[in-house]
């Protein structure tokens, strides 16, 4: 069986001792005067009888699985609540009456014990270890979750609303594949489980959302007021970003739009970012094209966002993706004005800078907006917009959307 056996399986001591103490204390408390001697004797007799039944059921299970269990290690023990378990060389048989005993072993057992065993978030097993359809992995279901294992991902638990969403998609046969991390904390009081090909996110005020990488795209600009005295405008936008490592900060430039008057919209479609929805600082600079090469300004913006993004990478250290989100989340607010000011310090004055701003999109915004219908403003389809960018004369807004990659 590919799920390697554990030679020595540690007892989940806390749950056992708590269970023993609870059951024994109930009877000992009766001895101190709460019930008659006959009643106490009946309770002890009942406990012994139930333990004998548990031993018989567990032994029957051991025989069913053949030699897989190996030699017993100690006797049948009380588990958490009303359950029991028996350790063996190669795993543990659990029993929670009236359900049948279940066999847990190998890497799945290791993950189970790391989560508190039968006294933890998962509760007692409800199935033996089984093979997945196609034979690519193994799993056990538990009272409040599941543990799945594959060669490439190892064993990881999935529970709650995230598990329910994954199950509704088809378990490991869905587009997500096998889990590659346990459920963990995420930005803004959220939770995340990472899978081979995507993630499932959850927040207290949302359903569980399955999502892979996202694309952030520039969707165009709108002129609220053109420059005075010079005829129609010829604006262009430069868009830069800094995000969660390992995606490197960068910038792109839109085409130069000719003959733009007040009230004109210029829809566009340029991909700015592709990666995990882990939060992003999104900078926008709108220029009036006079005579300089606009790509010179693009290179300056790239330098600026790279300098600002360097601080993100240094703070994140060796963390990437979802693991880096909590660290990055703490600095996004300070990063926004840093990007704008750093780039503005580098820019010259050949082409007129009409205005600049930095939009902050949190991980939750990126996840939820990716599944939200776009708004439409004069032919520009978008999810979010910049503040009004103005030099006191001309004024513009730029627009973005977020889409599943």
Protein backbone atom coordinates (compact mmCIF):
# COMPACT_ATOMS: atom_id res chain seq x y z
CA UNK A 1 0.00 0.00 0.00
CA UNK A 2 1.60 3.37 -1.03
CA UNK A 3 0.68 5.08 2.22
CA UNK A 4 3.79 4.06 4.19
CA UNK A 5 3.24 2.45 7.61
CA UNK A 6 4.42 4.10 10.82
CA UNK A 7 6.66 1.78 12.85
CA UNK A 8 5.87 3.39 16.16
CA UNK A 9 2.56 5.20 16.62
CA UNK A 10 2.46 7.64 19.57
CA UNK A 11 -0.59 7.62 21.77
CA UNK A 12 -2.69 10.80 21.67
CA UNK A 13 -2.21 11.06 25.42
CA UNK A 14 -4.19 14.18 26.13
CA UNK A 15 -7.41 12.90 24.61
CA UNK A 16 -7.04 9.49 26.31
CA UNK A 17 -6.34 10.85 29.76
CA UNK A 18 -9.16 13.37 29.44
CA UNK A 19 -11.57 10.63 28.39
CA UNK A 20 -10.47 8.38 31.24
CA UNK A 21 -10.71 11.17 33.77
CA UNK A 22 -14.19 12.14 32.58
CA UNK A 23 -15.63 8.65 32.69
CA UNK A 24 -13.89 7.63 35.92
CA UNK A 25 -14.74 10.91 37.63
CA UNK A 26 -18.41 10.35 36.90
CA UNK A 27 -18.35 7.06 38.78
CA UNK A 28 -16.04 8.24 41.58
CA UNK A 29 -18.25 11.24 42.11
CA UNK A 30 -21.12 8.84 42.70
CA UNK A 31 -19.05 7.03 45.32
CA UNK A 32 -18.80 10.28 47.26
CA UNK A 33 -22.51 10.20 47.98
CA UNK A 34 -24.44 11.29 44.94
CA UNK A 35 -25.82 7.81 44.26
CA UNK A 36 -26.22 4.51 46.11
CA UNK A 37 -23.56 1.81 46.22
CA UNK A 38 -25.75 -0.39 44.03
CA UNK A 39 -26.05 2.34 41.40
CA UNK A 40 -22.28 2.91 41.38
CA UNK A 41 -21.64 -0.81 41.09
CA UNK A 42 -24.01 -0.95 38.13
CA UNK A 43 -22.11 1.86 36.43
CA UNK A 44 -18.74 0.14 36.89
CA UNK A 45 -20.25 -3.07 35.59
CA UNK A 46 -21.60 -1.19 32.58
CA UNK A 47 -18.22 0.38 31.85
CA UNK A 48 -16.51 -3.01 32.01
CA UNK A 49 -19.15 -4.50 29.75
CA UNK A 50 -18.80 -1.74 27.18
CA UNK A 51 -15.01 -2.05 27.25
CA UNK A 52 -15.31 -5.80 26.65
CA UNK A 53 -17.58 -5.13 23.66
CA UNK A 54 -15.09 -2.59 22.32
CA UNK A 55 -12.23 -5.10 22.64
CA UNK A 56 -14.24 -7.72 20.76
CA UNK A 57 -15.20 -5.31 17.96
CA UNK A 58 -11.64 -4.04 17.59
CA UNK A 59 -10.23 -7.59 17.55
CA UNK A 60 -12.73 -8.54 14.85
CA UNK A 61 -11.55 -5.57 12.80
CA UNK A 62 -7.91 -6.59 13.25
CA UNK A 63 -8.71 -10.03 11.88
CA UNK A 64 -10.55 -8.48 8.90
CA UNK A 65 -7.54 -6.42 7.80
CA UNK A 66 -5.25 -9.43 8.05
CA UNK A 67 -1.64 -8.82 9.02
CA UNK A 68 -1.66 -5.12 8.13
CA UNK A 69 -1.94 -3.99 11.75
CA UNK A 70 1.06 -5.91 13.10
CA UNK A 71 1.43 -6.69 16.79
CA UNK A 72 -0.71 -4.83 19.35
CA UNK A 73 0.93 -2.17 21.49
CA UNK A 74 -0.76 -2.16 24.90
CA UNK A 75 -4.47 -2.77 25.36
CA UNK A 76 -7.68 -1.12 24.27
CA UNK A 77 -7.80 2.44 25.58
CA UNK A 78 -10.54 4.97 26.17
CA UNK A 79 -10.56 7.67 23.50
CA UNK A 80 -12.17 11.10 23.49
CA UNK A 81 -15.90 11.18 24.26
CA UNK A 82 -17.48 7.75 24.16
CA UNK A 83 -14.91 6.08 21.91
CA UNK A 84 -12.02 3.64 22.15
CA UNK A 85 -8.87 2.79 20.26
CA UNK A 86 -6.15 0.16 20.07
CA UNK A 87 -2.61 0.86 18.94
CA UNK A 88 -0.71 -1.56 16.74
CA UNK A 89 2.77 -1.54 15.25
CA UNK A 90 1.49 -0.18 11.96
CA UNK A 91 -1.49 1.97 12.89
CA UNK A 92 -4.52 2.44 15.10
CA UNK A 93 -8.04 0.98 15.08
CA UNK A 94 -10.64 3.48 16.34
CA UNK A 95 -14.15 2.72 17.56
CA UNK A 96 -16.99 5.11 18.35
CA UNK A 97 -20.09 3.00 19.12
CA UNK A 98 -22.49 2.28 17.57
CA UNK A 99 -20.42 2.76 14.39
CA UNK A 100 -18.04 0.07 13.20
CA UNK A 101 -14.30 0.24 13.98
CA UNK A 102 -12.06 2.01 11.44
CA UNK A 103 -8.41 1.46 10.55
CA UNK A 104 -6.05 4.47 10.15
CA UNK A 105 -2.35 4.17 9.38
CA UNK A 106 0.69 5.53 7.58
CA UNK A 107 0.98 9.15 6.48
CA UNK A 108 -2.74 9.73 6.93
CA UNK A 109 -2.45 8.66 10.57
CA UNK A 110 0.51 11.00 11.02
CA UNK A 111 -1.54 13.94 9.73
CA UNK A 112 -4.53 12.87 11.84
CA UNK A 113 -2.51 12.75 15.07
CA UNK A 114 -0.93 16.13 14.26
CA UNK A 115 -4.46 17.58 14.23
CA UNK A 116 -5.33 16.14 17.65
CA UNK A 117 -6.51 12.68 16.65
CA UNK A 118 -10.05 11.71 17.68
CA UNK A 119 -10.12 14.62 20.13
CA UNK A 120 -9.19 17.17 17.46
CA UNK A 121 -11.02 19.04 14.72
CA UNK A 122 -11.71 15.91 12.66
CA UNK A 123 -13.24 13.64 15.31
CA UNK A 124 -13.35 9.86 14.87
CA UNK A 125 -12.75 8.14 11.51
CA UNK A 126 -15.87 7.01 9.68
CA UNK A 127 -14.10 4.92 7.03
CA UNK A 128 -11.03 2.74 6.73
CA UNK A 129 -8.27 4.07 4.52
CA UNK A 130 -9.43 3.67 0.93
CA UNK A 131 -8.00 4.17 -2.53
CA UNK A 132 -9.24 7.03 -4.70
CA UNK A 133 -10.86 6.35 -8.05
CA UNK A 134 -8.05 5.69 -10.49
CA UNK A 135 -5.68 4.62 -7.73
CA UNK A 136 -3.72 7.87 -7.60
CA UNK A 137 -4.17 8.44 -3.88
CA UNK A 138 -5.61 7.32 -0.53
CA UNK A 139 -8.07 8.84 1.94
CA UNK A 140 -9.95 8.47 5.22
CA UNK A 141 -13.17 10.28 6.01
CA UNK A 142 -13.78 11.47 9.58
CA UNK A 143 -16.73 12.88 11.50
CA UNK A 144 -15.85 16.45 10.59
CA UNK A 145 -13.52 16.25 7.63
CA UNK A 146 -11.22 14.12 5.50
CA UNK A 147 -7.53 13.45 4.95
CA UNK A 148 -6.31 12.79 1.41
CA UNK A 149 -2.88 11.54 0.39
CA UNK A 150 -1.01 11.26 -2.89
CA UNK A 151 2.64 10.68 -3.78
CA UNK A 152 3.14 14.25 -4.99
CA UNK A 153 1.24 16.13 -2.28
CA UNK A 154 1.53 14.05 0.90
CA UNK A 155 -1.33 13.80 3.41
CA UNK A 156 -3.46 16.87 4.20
CA UNK A 157 -6.74 17.42 6.02
CA UNK A 158 -9.72 19.26 4.54
CA UNK A 159 -12.78 20.23 6.58
CA UNK A 160 -15.76 22.55 6.93
CA UNK A 161 -17.13 24.69 4.11
CA UNK A 162 -13.91 24.35 2.12
CA UNK A 163 -14.25 20.56 2.13
CA UNK A 164 -17.91 20.83 1.17
CA UNK A 165 -17.02 23.00 -1.83
CA UNK A 166 -14.24 20.65 -2.93
CA UNK A 167 -16.56 17.65 -2.57
CA UNK A 168 -19.26 19.37 -4.66
CA UNK A 169 -16.73 19.82 -7.45
CA UNK A 170 -15.73 16.14 -7.47
CA UNK A 171 -13.05 15.70 -4.80
CA UNK A 172 -9.58 14.93 -6.20
CA UNK A 173 -11.11 14.32 -9.66
CA UNK A 174 -12.12 18.00 -9.87
CA UNK A 175 -10.01 20.67 -11.56
CA UNK A 176 -8.40 21.38 -8.18
CA UNK A 177 -6.78 17.96 -7.75
CA UNK A 178 -5.45 16.82 -4.35
CA UNK A 179 -4.96 19.15 -1.36
CA UNK A 180 -1.35 20.22 -0.90
CA UNK A 181 -1.73 22.05 2.41
CA UNK A 182 -3.95 21.83 5.48
CA UNK A 183 -6.55 24.55 5.96
CA UNK A 184 -4.86 27.68 7.32
CA UNK A 185 -5.49 31.31 8.16
CA UNK A 186 -5.72 33.83 5.34
CA UNK A 187 -6.15 37.56 4.94
CA UNK A 188 -9.05 39.46 6.54
CA UNK A 189 -10.10 36.63 8.90
CA UNK A 190 -10.35 34.23 6.00
CA UNK A 191 -9.29 30.61 5.53
CA UNK A 192 -7.57 28.87 2.63
CA UNK A 193 -6.78 25.33 1.54
CA UNK A 194 -4.28 25.01 -1.29
CA UNK A 195 -4.74 22.30 -3.92
CA UNK A 196 -2.61 21.10 -6.82
CA UNK A 197 -4.21 23.41 -9.36
CA UNK A 198 -5.88 26.15 -7.34
CA UNK A 199 -7.24 27.15 -3.96
CA UNK A 200 -10.48 27.27 -2.01
CA UNK A 201 -11.01 30.48 -0.03
CA UNK A 202 -13.54 31.19 2.73
CA UNK A 203 -14.54 34.23 4.78
CA UNK A 204 -17.23 34.54 7.46
CA UNK A 205 -19.43 36.58 5.10
CA UNK A 206 -18.86 34.57 1.91
CA UNK A 207 -19.39 31.05 0.69
CA UNK A 208 -16.33 28.91 -0.03
CA UNK A 209 -14.86 30.04 -3.38
CA UNK A 210 -12.68 27.88 -5.61
CA UNK A 211 -10.22 29.92 -7.64
CA UNK A 212 -6.84 29.57 -9.31
CA UNK A 213 -4.70 32.43 -10.55
CA UNK A 214 -6.33 35.69 -11.60
CA UNK A 215 -5.64 38.32 -14.24
CA UNK A 216 -5.76 42.04 -13.48
CA UNK A 217 -6.39 44.02 -16.66
CA UNK A 218 -6.46 47.65 -17.71
CA UNK A 219 -9.84 48.33 -19.36
CA UNK A 220 -9.50 51.93 -20.52
CA UNK A 221 -9.75 55.60 -19.52
CA UNK A 222 -12.39 58.31 -19.45
CA UNK A 223 -11.81 62.04 -19.92
CA UNK A 224 -13.68 64.18 -17.40
CA UNK A 225 -11.93 67.34 -18.58
CA UNK A 226 -9.43 68.00 -21.38
CA UNK A 227 -6.49 70.39 -21.27
CA UNK A 228 -7.52 73.96 -22.03
CA UNK A 229 -6.28 75.91 -25.04
CA UNK A 230 -4.44 73.13 -26.85
CA UNK A 231 -7.18 71.30 -28.76
CA UNK A 232 -7.96 67.65 -28.14
CA UNK A 233 -5.82 65.59 -25.76
CA UNK A 234 -3.53 62.68 -26.65
CA UNK A 235 -3.37 60.80 -23.36
CA UNK A 236 -1.81 57.44 -22.50
CA UNK A 237 -1.59 55.48 -19.28
CA UNK A 238 1.25 53.57 -17.65
CA UNK A 239 0.17 50.90 -15.18
CA UNK A 240 2.52 49.34 -12.62
CA UNK A 241 2.07 46.84 -9.80
CA UNK A 242 3.72 45.19 -6.81
CA UNK A 243 2.24 41.94 -5.51
CA UNK A 244 2.96 38.87 -3.41
CA UNK A 245 6.23 37.04 -4.23
CA UNK A 246 7.33 35.30 -6.39
CA UNK A 247 5.66 37.49 -9.06
CA UNK A 248 8.06 40.34 -9.82
CA UNK A 249 6.81 43.96 -9.96
CA UNK A 250 6.45 45.38 -13.47
CA UNK A 251 4.60 47.92 -15.61
CA UNK A 252 2.89 48.22 -19.00
CA UNK A 253 1.90 51.16 -21.22
CA UNK A 254 -1.35 51.73 -23.08
CA UNK A 255 -1.51 53.03 -26.62
CA UNK A 256 -1.57 56.78 -27.17
CA UNK A 257 -5.18 57.89 -27.64
CA UNK A 258 -5.63 60.71 -30.16
CA UNK A 259 -8.33 63.38 -30.30
CA UNK A 260 -9.72 62.84 -26.81
CA UNK A 261 -12.21 65.47 -25.69
CA UNK A 262 -14.08 65.92 -22.42
CA UNK A 263 -16.68 63.18 -22.09
CA UNK A 264 -14.83 60.72 -24.32
CA UNK A 265 -14.14 57.13 -23.24
CA UNK A 266 -11.39 54.95 -24.63
CA UNK A 267 -11.97 51.25 -23.88
CA UNK A 268 -8.84 49.10 -23.89
CA UNK A 269 -7.69 45.63 -22.81
CA UNK A 270 -4.17 45.07 -21.44
CA UNK A 271 -3.14 42.36 -18.96
CA UNK A 272 -1.17 43.87 -16.09
CA UNK A 273 -0.84 41.00 -13.61
CA UNK A 274 -1.34 37.23 -13.56
CA UNK A 275 -0.93 35.21 -10.37
CA UNK A 276 -2.37 34.30 -6.96
CA UNK A 277 -5.09 36.66 -5.66
CA UNK A 278 -2.92 37.62 -2.71
CA UNK A 279 -3.38 41.40 -2.79
CA UNK A 280 -1.85 43.94 -5.14
CA UNK A 281 -0.70 47.57 -5.17
CA UNK A 282 -1.79 48.88 -8.56
CA UNK A 283 -0.29 52.18 -9.73
CA UNK A 284 -1.61 54.36 -12.57
CA UNK A 285 0.04 57.36 -14.27
CA UNK A 286 -1.76 59.29 -17.02
CA UNK A 287 0.31 61.48 -19.36
CA UNK A 288 -0.47 63.93 -22.12
CA UNK A 289 1.74 63.01 -25.06
CA UNK A 290 3.68 66.03 -26.33
CA UNK A 291 6.88 64.94 -28.07
CA UNK A 292 8.91 62.54 -25.88
CA UNK A 293 9.17 58.77 -26.29
CA UNK A 294 6.54 57.38 -23.89
CA UNK A 295 8.51 54.13 -23.48
CA UNK A 296 11.19 56.10 -21.63
CA UNK A 297 8.59 56.84 -18.98
CA UNK A 298 7.50 53.20 -18.97
CA UNK A 299 11.06 52.17 -18.05
CA UNK A 300 11.12 54.75 -15.25
CA UNK A 301 7.84 53.41 -13.87
CA UNK A 302 9.25 49.87 -13.99
CA UNK A 303 12.25 51.06 -11.97
CA UNK A 304 9.97 52.74 -9.46
CA UNK A 305 7.70 49.77 -8.83
CA UNK A 306 10.75 47.49 -8.66
CA UNK A 307 12.21 49.64 -5.88
CA UNK A 308 8.92 49.63 -4.00
CA UNK A 309 8.46 45.88 -4.55
CA UNK A 310 11.94 45.16 -3.22
CA UNK A 311 10.72 45.96 0.28
CA UNK A 312 7.90 43.42 -0.12
CA UNK A 313 10.33 40.67 -1.12
CA UNK A 314 12.72 41.46 1.72
CA UNK A 315 9.95 41.27 4.31
CA UNK A 316 8.47 38.09 2.83
CA UNK A 317 11.88 36.39 2.91
CA UNK A 318 11.58 32.76 1.82
CA UNK A 319 7.76 32.83 1.89
CA UNK A 320 5.84 32.74 -1.37
CA UNK A 321 2.23 32.74 -2.52
CA UNK A 322 -0.42 32.27 0.16
CA UNK A 323 2.20 31.93 2.91
CA UNK A 324 3.52 35.43 2.13
CA UNK A 325 0.07 37.08 2.16
CA UNK A 326 -0.12 37.78 5.95
CA UNK A 327 3.24 39.57 5.87
CA UNK A 328 2.43 41.55 2.73
CA UNK A 329 -1.00 42.45 4.09
CA UNK A 330 0.65 44.41 6.89
CA UNK A 331 2.56 46.68 4.50
CA UNK A 332 0.14 47.29 1.62
CA UNK A 333 -1.12 50.53 3.17
CA UNK A 334 2.39 51.97 3.45
CA UNK A 335 3.34 50.66 0.01
CA UNK A 336 0.71 52.63 -1.95
CA UNK A 337 2.11 56.15 -1.41
CA UNK A 338 5.65 54.75 -1.68
CA UNK A 339 5.05 53.50 -5.22
CA UNK A 340 3.52 56.79 -6.33
CA UNK A 341 6.17 58.99 -4.77
CA UNK A 342 9.09 56.79 -5.89
CA UNK A 343 7.96 56.82 -9.52
CA UNK A 344 7.09 60.51 -9.51
CA UNK A 345 10.60 61.31 -8.26
CA UNK A 346 12.06 59.48 -11.26
CA UNK A 347 9.84 61.06 -13.90
CA UNK A 348 10.97 64.00 -16.00
CA UNK A 349 8.78 66.67 -17.55
CA UNK A 350 9.03 66.01 -21.32
CA UNK A 351 5.47 64.67 -21.45
CA UNK A 352 3.02 66.28 -19.06
CA UNK A 353 2.04 64.08 -16.11
CA UNK A 354 -1.68 64.68 -15.66
CA UNK A 355 -2.00 62.63 -12.47
CA UNK A 356 -1.10 59.44 -10.60
CA UNK A 357 -2.54 57.20 -7.92
CA UNK A 358 -2.14 53.74 -6.42
CA UNK A 359 -5.11 51.45 -5.87
CA UNK A 360 -4.91 48.74 -3.21
CA UNK A 361 -6.79 45.52 -3.90
CA UNK A 362 -6.93 43.15 -0.93
CA UNK A 363 -6.89 39.36 -1.40
CA UNK A 364 -10.59 39.20 -0.52
CA UNK A 365 -11.42 41.87 -3.11
CA UNK A 366 -9.46 40.03 -5.77
CA UNK A 367 -11.16 36.71 -5.00
CA UNK A 368 -14.70 38.06 -4.84
CA UNK A 369 -14.40 40.48 -7.78
CA UNK A 370 -13.13 37.68 -10.04
CA UNK A 371 -16.60 36.16 -9.80
CA UNK A 372 -18.58 39.42 -9.92
CA UNK A 373 -20.22 40.84 -13.09
CA UNK A 374 -18.46 43.92 -14.46
CA UNK A 375 -19.92 47.39 -14.41
CA UNK A 376 -20.18 49.39 -17.62
CA UNK A 377 -19.29 53.05 -17.90
CA UNK A 378 -19.58 54.51 -21.41
CA UNK A 379 -18.44 51.27 -23.01
CA UNK A 380 -15.71 50.52 -20.46
CA UNK A 381 -16.36 47.26 -18.59
CA UNK A 382 -14.65 47.28 -15.20
CA UNK A 383 -14.58 46.19 -11.57
CA UNK A 384 -12.64 49.08 -10.00
CA UNK A 385 -11.50 52.56 -10.93
CA UNK A 386 -8.78 55.00 -9.95
CA UNK A 387 -9.40 58.24 -8.14
CA UNK A 388 -9.73 61.31 -10.34
CA UNK A 389 -6.29 61.99 -11.84
CA UNK A 390 -5.85 65.69 -12.54
CA UNK A 391 -3.19 68.36 -12.92
CA UNK A 392 -5.75 71.06 -12.13
CA UNK A 393 -6.71 71.32 -15.77
CA UNK A 394 -7.21 67.99 -17.53
CA UNK A 395 -8.75 65.15 -15.51
CA UNK A 396 -9.11 61.40 -16.13
CA UNK A 397 -9.94 58.10 -14.50
CA UNK A 398 -8.54 54.69 -15.45
CA UNK A 399 -10.42 51.41 -15.05
CA UNK A 400 -9.48 47.79 -14.23
CA UNK A 401 -11.07 44.37 -14.03
CA UNK A 402 -10.15 41.06 -12.37
CA UNK A 403 -10.78 37.77 -14.12
CA UNK A 404 -10.03 34.09 -13.59
CA UNK A 405 -6.82 33.25 -15.43
